[in-house]
Amino acid sequence: MLRLALFFLVVSIIAGVFGFGGIAAASAGIARLLFFIAIVVFLALLVAGLMAGSTLF
């Protein structure tokens, strides 16, 4: 998911350089949304992993 966010960020930068403002704004919005979704999923899995504990010993 972070790869998609990075991809849309690069697309928005390239579109902004070439003067496509609408496409740049839309892809930057998608990149921001995907980044925050990835952060939420990471935090949820981190909490779930900490709640499960370690069963090595």
PDB file of N, CA and C in Angstrom:
ATOM      1  N   MET A   1       0.820  -1.182   0.000  1.00  0.00           N
ATOM      2  CA  MET A   1       0.000   0.000   0.000  1.00  0.00           C
ATOM      3  C   MET A   1       0.871   1.255   0.000  1.00  0.00           C
ATOM      4  N   LEU A   2       1.990   1.169   0.689  1.00  0.00           N
ATOM      5  CA  LEU A   2       2.889   2.324   0.670  1.00  0.00           C
ATOM      6  C   LEU A   2       3.516   2.516  -0.708  1.00  0.00           C
ATOM      7  N   ARG A   3       3.681   1.414  -1.451  1.00  0.00           N
ATOM      8  CA  ARG A   3       4.181   1.545  -2.825  1.00  0.00           C
ATOM      9  C   ARG A   3       3.201   2.331  -3.685  1.00  0.00           C
ATOM     10  N   LEU A   4       1.911   2.060  -3.521  1.00  0.00           N
ATOM     11  CA  LEU A   4       0.911   2.810  -4.279  1.00  0.00           C
ATOM     12  C   LEU A   4       0.913   4.282  -3.890  1.00  0.00           C
ATOM     13  N   ALA A   5       1.060   4.554  -2.601  1.00  0.00           N
ATOM     14  CA  ALA A   5       1.117   5.943  -2.154  1.00  0.00           C
ATOM     15  C   ALA A   5       2.323   6.648  -2.760  1.00  0.00           C
ATOM     16  N   LEU A   6       3.460   5.965  -2.774  1.00  0.00           N
ATOM     17  CA  LEU A   6       4.658   6.546  -3.370  1.00  0.00           C
ATOM     18  C   LEU A   6       4.484   6.752  -4.871  1.00  0.00           C
ATOM     19  N   PHE A   7       3.849   5.788  -5.539  1.00  0.00           N
ATOM     20  CA  PHE A   7       3.592   5.907  -6.976  1.00  0.00           C
ATOM     21  C   PHE A   7       2.725   7.136  -7.275  1.00  0.00           C
ATOM     22  N   PHE A   8       1.631   7.300  -6.532  1.00  0.00           N
ATOM     23  CA  PHE A   8       0.764   8.447  -6.771  1.00  0.00           C
ATOM     24  C   PHE A   8       1.446   9.756  -6.404  1.00  0.00           C
ATOM     25  N   LEU A   9       2.336   9.738  -5.417  1.00  0.00           N
ATOM     26  CA  LEU A   9       3.091  10.940  -5.088  1.00  0.00           C
ATOM     27  C   LEU A   9       4.004  11.332  -6.244  1.00  0.00           C
ATOM     28  N   VAL A  10       4.681  10.352  -6.829  1.00  0.00           N
ATOM     29  CA  VAL A  10       5.562  10.637  -7.972  1.00  0.00           C
ATOM     30  C   VAL A  10       4.742  11.137  -9.164  1.00  0.00           C
ATOM     31  N   VAL A  11       3.585  10.517  -9.397  1.00  0.00           N
ATOM     32  CA  VAL A  11       2.722  10.964 -10.501  1.00  0.00           C
ATOM     33  C   VAL A  11       2.274  12.406 -10.281  1.00  0.00           C
ATOM     34  N   SER A  12       1.934  12.750  -9.038  1.00  0.00           N
ATOM     35  CA  SER A  12       1.489  14.117  -8.779  1.00  0.00           C
ATOM     36  C   SER A  12       2.625  15.125  -8.953  1.00  0.00           C
ATOM     37  N   ILE A  13       3.836  14.745  -8.581  1.00  0.00           N
ATOM     38  CA  ILE A  13       4.976  15.657  -8.767  1.00  0.00           C
ATOM     39  C   ILE A  13       5.255  15.862 -10.247  1.00  0.00           C
ATOM     40  N   ILE A  14       5.248  14.785 -11.008  1.00  0.00           N
ATOM     41  CA  ILE A  14       5.487  14.899 -12.451  1.00  0.00           C
ATOM     42  C   ILE A  14       4.381  15.705 -13.122  1.00  0.00           C
ATOM     43  N   ALA A  15       3.139  15.443 -12.741  1.00  0.00           N
ATOM     44  CA  ALA A  15       2.024  16.199 -13.333  1.00  0.00           C
ATOM     45  C   ALA A  15       2.107  17.673 -12.959  1.00  0.00           C
ATOM     46  N   GLY A  16       2.526  17.956 -11.741  1.00  0.00           N
ATOM     47  CA  GLY A  16       2.677  19.350 -11.326  1.00  0.00           C
ATOM     48  C   GLY A  16       3.766  20.066 -12.097  1.00  0.00           C
ATOM     49  N   VAL A  17       4.856  19.363 -12.379  1.00  0.00           N
ATOM     50  CA  VAL A  17       5.955  19.968 -13.143  1.00  0.00           C
ATOM     51  C   VAL A  17       5.497  20.310 -14.552  1.00  0.00           C
ATOM     52  N   PHE A  18       4.688  19.425 -15.150  1.00  0.00           N
ATOM     53  CA  PHE A  18       4.237  19.667 -16.519  1.00  0.00           C
ATOM     54  C   PHE A  18       2.995  20.549 -16.603  1.00  0.00           C
ATOM     55  N   GLY A  19       2.467  20.984 -15.461  1.00  0.00           N
ATOM     56  CA  GLY A  19       1.380  21.950 -15.463  1.00  0.00           C
ATOM     57  C   GLY A  19      -0.018  21.361 -15.443  1.00  0.00           C
ATOM     58  N   PHE A  20      -0.161  20.089 -15.130  1.00  0.00           N
ATOM     59  CA  PHE A  20      -1.482  19.479 -15.036  1.00  0.00           C
ATOM     60  C   PHE A  20      -1.947  19.557 -13.579  1.00  0.00           C
ATOM     61  N   GLY A  21      -2.527  20.684 -13.217  1.00  0.00           N
ATOM     62  CA  GLY A  21      -2.882  20.934 -11.822  1.00  0.00           C
ATOM     63  C   GLY A  21      -3.945  20.011 -11.275  1.00  0.00           C
ATOM     64  N   GLY A  22      -4.970  19.713 -12.075  1.00  0.00           N
ATOM     65  CA  GLY A  22      -6.048  18.849 -11.601  1.00  0.00           C
ATOM     66  C   GLY A  22      -5.589  17.430 -11.338  1.00  0.00           C
ATOM     67  N   ILE A  23      -4.792  16.912 -12.251  1.00  0.00           N
ATOM     68  CA  ILE A  23      -4.273  15.552 -12.091  1.00  0.00           C
ATOM     69  C   ILE A  23      -3.316  15.502 -10.910  1.00  0.00           C
ATOM     70  N   ALA A  24      -2.508  16.533 -10.750  1.00  0.00           N
ATOM     71  CA  ALA A  24      -1.558  16.570  -9.638  1.00  0.00           C
ATOM     72  C   ALA A  24      -2.288  16.602  -8.303  1.00  0.00           C
ATOM     73  N   ALA A  25      -3.334  17.385  -8.209  1.00  0.00           N
ATOM     74  CA  ALA A  25      -4.085  17.474  -6.952  1.00  0.00           C
ATOM     75  C   ALA A  25      -4.808  16.165  -6.650  1.00  0.00           C
ATOM     76  N   ALA A  26      -5.370  15.549  -7.668  1.00  0.00           N
ATOM     77  CA  ALA A  26      -6.093  14.295  -7.456  1.00  0.00           C
ATOM     78  C   ALA A  26      -5.147  13.175  -7.026  1.00  0.00           C
ATOM     79  N   SER A  27      -4.011  13.049  -7.691  1.00  0.00           N
ATOM     80  CA  SER A  27      -3.086  11.980  -7.327  1.00  0.00           C
ATOM     81  C   SER A  27      -2.428  12.256  -5.976  1.00  0.00           C
ATOM     82  N   ALA A  28      -2.223  13.499  -5.618  1.00  0.00           N
ATOM     83  CA  ALA A  28      -1.694  13.808  -4.287  1.00  0.00           C
ATOM     84  C   ALA A  28      -2.715  13.456  -3.211  1.00  0.00           C
ATOM     85  N   GLY A  29      -3.986  13.683  -3.492  1.00  0.00           N
ATOM     86  CA  GLY A  29      -5.033  13.295  -2.545  1.00  0.00           C
ATOM     87  C   GLY A  29      -5.104  11.787  -2.366  1.00  0.00           C
ATOM     88  N   ILE A  30      -4.975  11.057  -3.456  1.00  0.00           N
ATOM     89  CA  ILE A  30      -4.987   9.592  -3.380  1.00  0.00           C
ATOM     90  C   ILE A  30      -3.767   9.102  -2.607  1.00  0.00           C
ATOM     91  N   ALA A  31      -2.605   9.698  -2.854  1.00  0.00           N
ATOM     92  CA  ALA A  31      -1.390   9.307  -2.142  1.00  0.00           C
ATOM     93  C   ALA A  31      -1.541   9.550  -0.645  1.00  0.00           C
ATOM     94  N   ARG A  32      -2.118  10.688  -0.282  1.00  0.00           N
ATOM     95  CA  ARG A  32      -2.318  11.002   1.132  1.00  0.00           C
ATOM     96  C   ARG A  32      -3.282  10.016   1.780  1.00  0.00           C
ATOM     97  N   LEU A  33      -4.359   9.678   1.092  1.00  0.00           N
ATOM     98  CA  LEU A  33      -5.335   8.729   1.623  1.00  0.00           C
ATOM     99  C   LEU A  33      -4.713   7.350   1.812  1.00  0.00           C
ATOM    100  N   LEU A  34      -3.976   6.863   0.822  1.00  0.00           N
ATOM    101  CA  LEU A  34      -3.337   5.554   0.927  1.00  0.00           C
ATOM    102  C   LEU A  34      -2.290   5.528   2.032  1.00  0.00           C
ATOM    103  N   PHE A  35      -1.580   6.624   2.222  1.00  0.00           N
ATOM    104  CA  PHE A  35      -0.582   6.690   3.284  1.00  0.00           C
ATOM    105  C   PHE A  35      -1.243   6.572   4.653  1.00  0.00           C
ATOM    106  N   PHE A  36      -2.330   7.290   4.873  1.00  0.00           N
ATOM    107  CA  PHE A  36      -2.994   7.231   6.173  1.00  0.00           C
ATOM    108  C   PHE A  36      -3.657   5.877   6.409  1.00  0.00           C
ATOM    109  N   ILE A  37      -4.169   5.253   5.372  1.00  0.00           N
ATOM    110  CA  ILE A  37      -4.730   3.898   5.516  1.00  0.00           C
ATOM    111  C   ILE A  37      -3.619   2.921   5.892  1.00  0.00           C
ATOM    112  N   ALA A  38      -2.449   3.051   5.283  1.00  0.00           N
ATOM    113  CA  ALA A  38      -1.327   2.173   5.606  1.00  0.00           C
ATOM    114  C   ALA A  38      -0.883   2.375   7.054  1.00  0.00           C
ATOM    115  N   ILE A  39      -0.877   3.602   7.526  1.00  0.00           N
ATOM    116  CA  ILE A  39      -0.497   3.876   8.913  1.00  0.00           C
ATOM    117  C   ILE A  39      -1.504   3.255   9.877  1.00  0.00           C
ATOM    118  N   VAL A  40      -2.795   3.365   9.588  1.00  0.00           N
ATOM    119  CA  VAL A  40      -3.821   2.786  10.448  1.00  0.00           C
ATOM    120  C   VAL A  40      -3.707   1.264  10.486  1.00  0.00           C
ATOM    121  N   VAL A  41      -3.487   0.648   9.331  1.00  0.00           N
ATOM    122  CA  VAL A  41      -3.335  -0.810   9.285  1.00  0.00           C
ATOM    123  C   VAL A  41      -2.083  -1.224  10.065  1.00  0.00           C
ATOM    124  N   PHE A  42      -0.991  -0.499   9.924  1.00  0.00           N
ATOM    125  CA  PHE A  42       0.226  -0.798  10.661  1.00  0.00           C
ATOM    126  C   PHE A  42      -0.005  -0.729  12.166  1.00  0.00           C
ATOM    127  N   LEU A  43      -0.656   0.337  12.619  1.00  0.00           N
ATOM    128  CA  LEU A  43      -0.899   0.481  14.050  1.00  0.00           C
ATOM    129  C   LEU A  43      -1.824  -0.614  14.574  1.00  0.00           C
ATOM    130  N   ALA A  44      -2.841  -0.986  13.805  1.00  0.00           N
ATOM    131  CA  ALA A  44      -3.751  -2.047  14.230  1.00  0.00           C
ATOM    132  C   ALA A  44      -3.008  -3.380  14.356  1.00  0.00           C
ATOM    133  N   LEU A  45      -2.147  -3.690  13.396  1.00  0.00           N
ATOM    134  CA  LEU A  45      -1.387  -4.929  13.462  1.00  0.00           C
ATOM    135  C   LEU A  45      -0.340  -4.887  14.572  1.00  0.00           C
ATOM    136  N   LEU A  46       0.227  -3.734  14.827  1.00  0.00           N
ATOM    137  CA  LEU A  46       1.179  -3.591  15.916  1.00  0.00           C
ATOM    138  C   LEU A  46       0.512  -3.852  17.263  1.00  0.00           C
ATOM    139  N   VAL A  47      -0.653  -3.272  17.480  1.00  0.00           N
ATOM    140  CA  VAL A  47      -1.385  -3.491  18.728  1.00  0.00           C
ATOM    141  C   VAL A  47      -1.809  -4.950  18.852  1.00  0.00           C
ATOM    142  N   ALA A  48      -2.262  -5.548  17.773  1.00  0.00           N
ATOM    143  CA  ALA A  48      -2.662  -6.957  17.808  1.00  0.00           C
ATOM    144  C   ALA A  48      -1.464  -7.849  18.126  1.00  0.00           C
ATOM    145  N   GLY A  49      -0.313  -7.532  17.587  1.00  0.00           N
ATOM    146  CA  GLY A  49       0.888  -8.303  17.877  1.00  0.00           C
ATOM    147  C   GLY A  49       1.336  -8.149  19.313  1.00  0.00           C
ATOM    148  N   LEU A  50       1.213  -6.956  19.852  1.00  0.00           N
ATOM    149  CA  LEU A  50       1.596  -6.747  21.240  1.00  0.00           C
ATOM    150  C   LEU A  50       0.607  -7.422  22.201  1.00  0.00           C
ATOM    151  N   MET A  51      -0.652  -7.454  21.823  1.00  0.00           N
ATOM    152  CA  MET A  51      -1.657  -8.098  22.672  1.00  0.00           C
ATOM    153  C   MET A  51      -1.494  -9.618  22.661  1.00  0.00           C
ATOM    154  N   ALA A  52      -1.030 -10.181  21.562  1.00  0.00           N
ATOM    155  CA  ALA A  52      -0.858 -11.623  21.466  1.00  0.00           C
ATOM    156  C   ALA A  52       0.311 -12.083  22.320  1.00  0.00           C
ATOM    157  N   GLY A  53       1.323 -11.258  22.418  1.00  0.00           N
ATOM    158  CA  GLY A  53       2.477 -11.606  23.229  1.00  0.00           C
ATOM    159  C   GLY A  53       3.397 -12.572  22.519  1.00  0.00           C
ATOM    160  N   SER A  54       4.482 -12.861  23.178  1.00  0.00           N
ATOM    161  CA  SER A  54       5.474 -13.767  22.625  1.00  0.00           C
ATOM    162  C   SER A  54       5.307 -15.146  23.232  1.00  0.00           C
ATOM    163  N   THR A  55       5.327 -16.190  22.409  1.00  0.00           N
ATOM    164  CA  THR A  55       5.171 -17.550  22.893  1.00  0.00           C
ATOM    165  C   THR A  55       6.441 -18.362  22.668  1.00  0.00           C
ATOM    166  N   LEU A  56       7.590 -17.697  22.600  1.00  0.00           N
ATOM    167  CA  LEU A  56       8.838 -18.406  22.348  1.00  0.00           C
ATOM    168  C   LEU A  56       9.317 -19.182  23.568  1.00  0.00           C
ATOM    169  N   PHE A  57       9.044 -18.705  24.766  1.00  0.00           N
ATOM    170  CA  PHE A  57       9.541 -19.368  25.983  1.00  0.00           C
ATOM    171  C   PHE A  57       8.415 -19.922  26.764  1.00  0.00           C
TER     172      PHE A  57
END
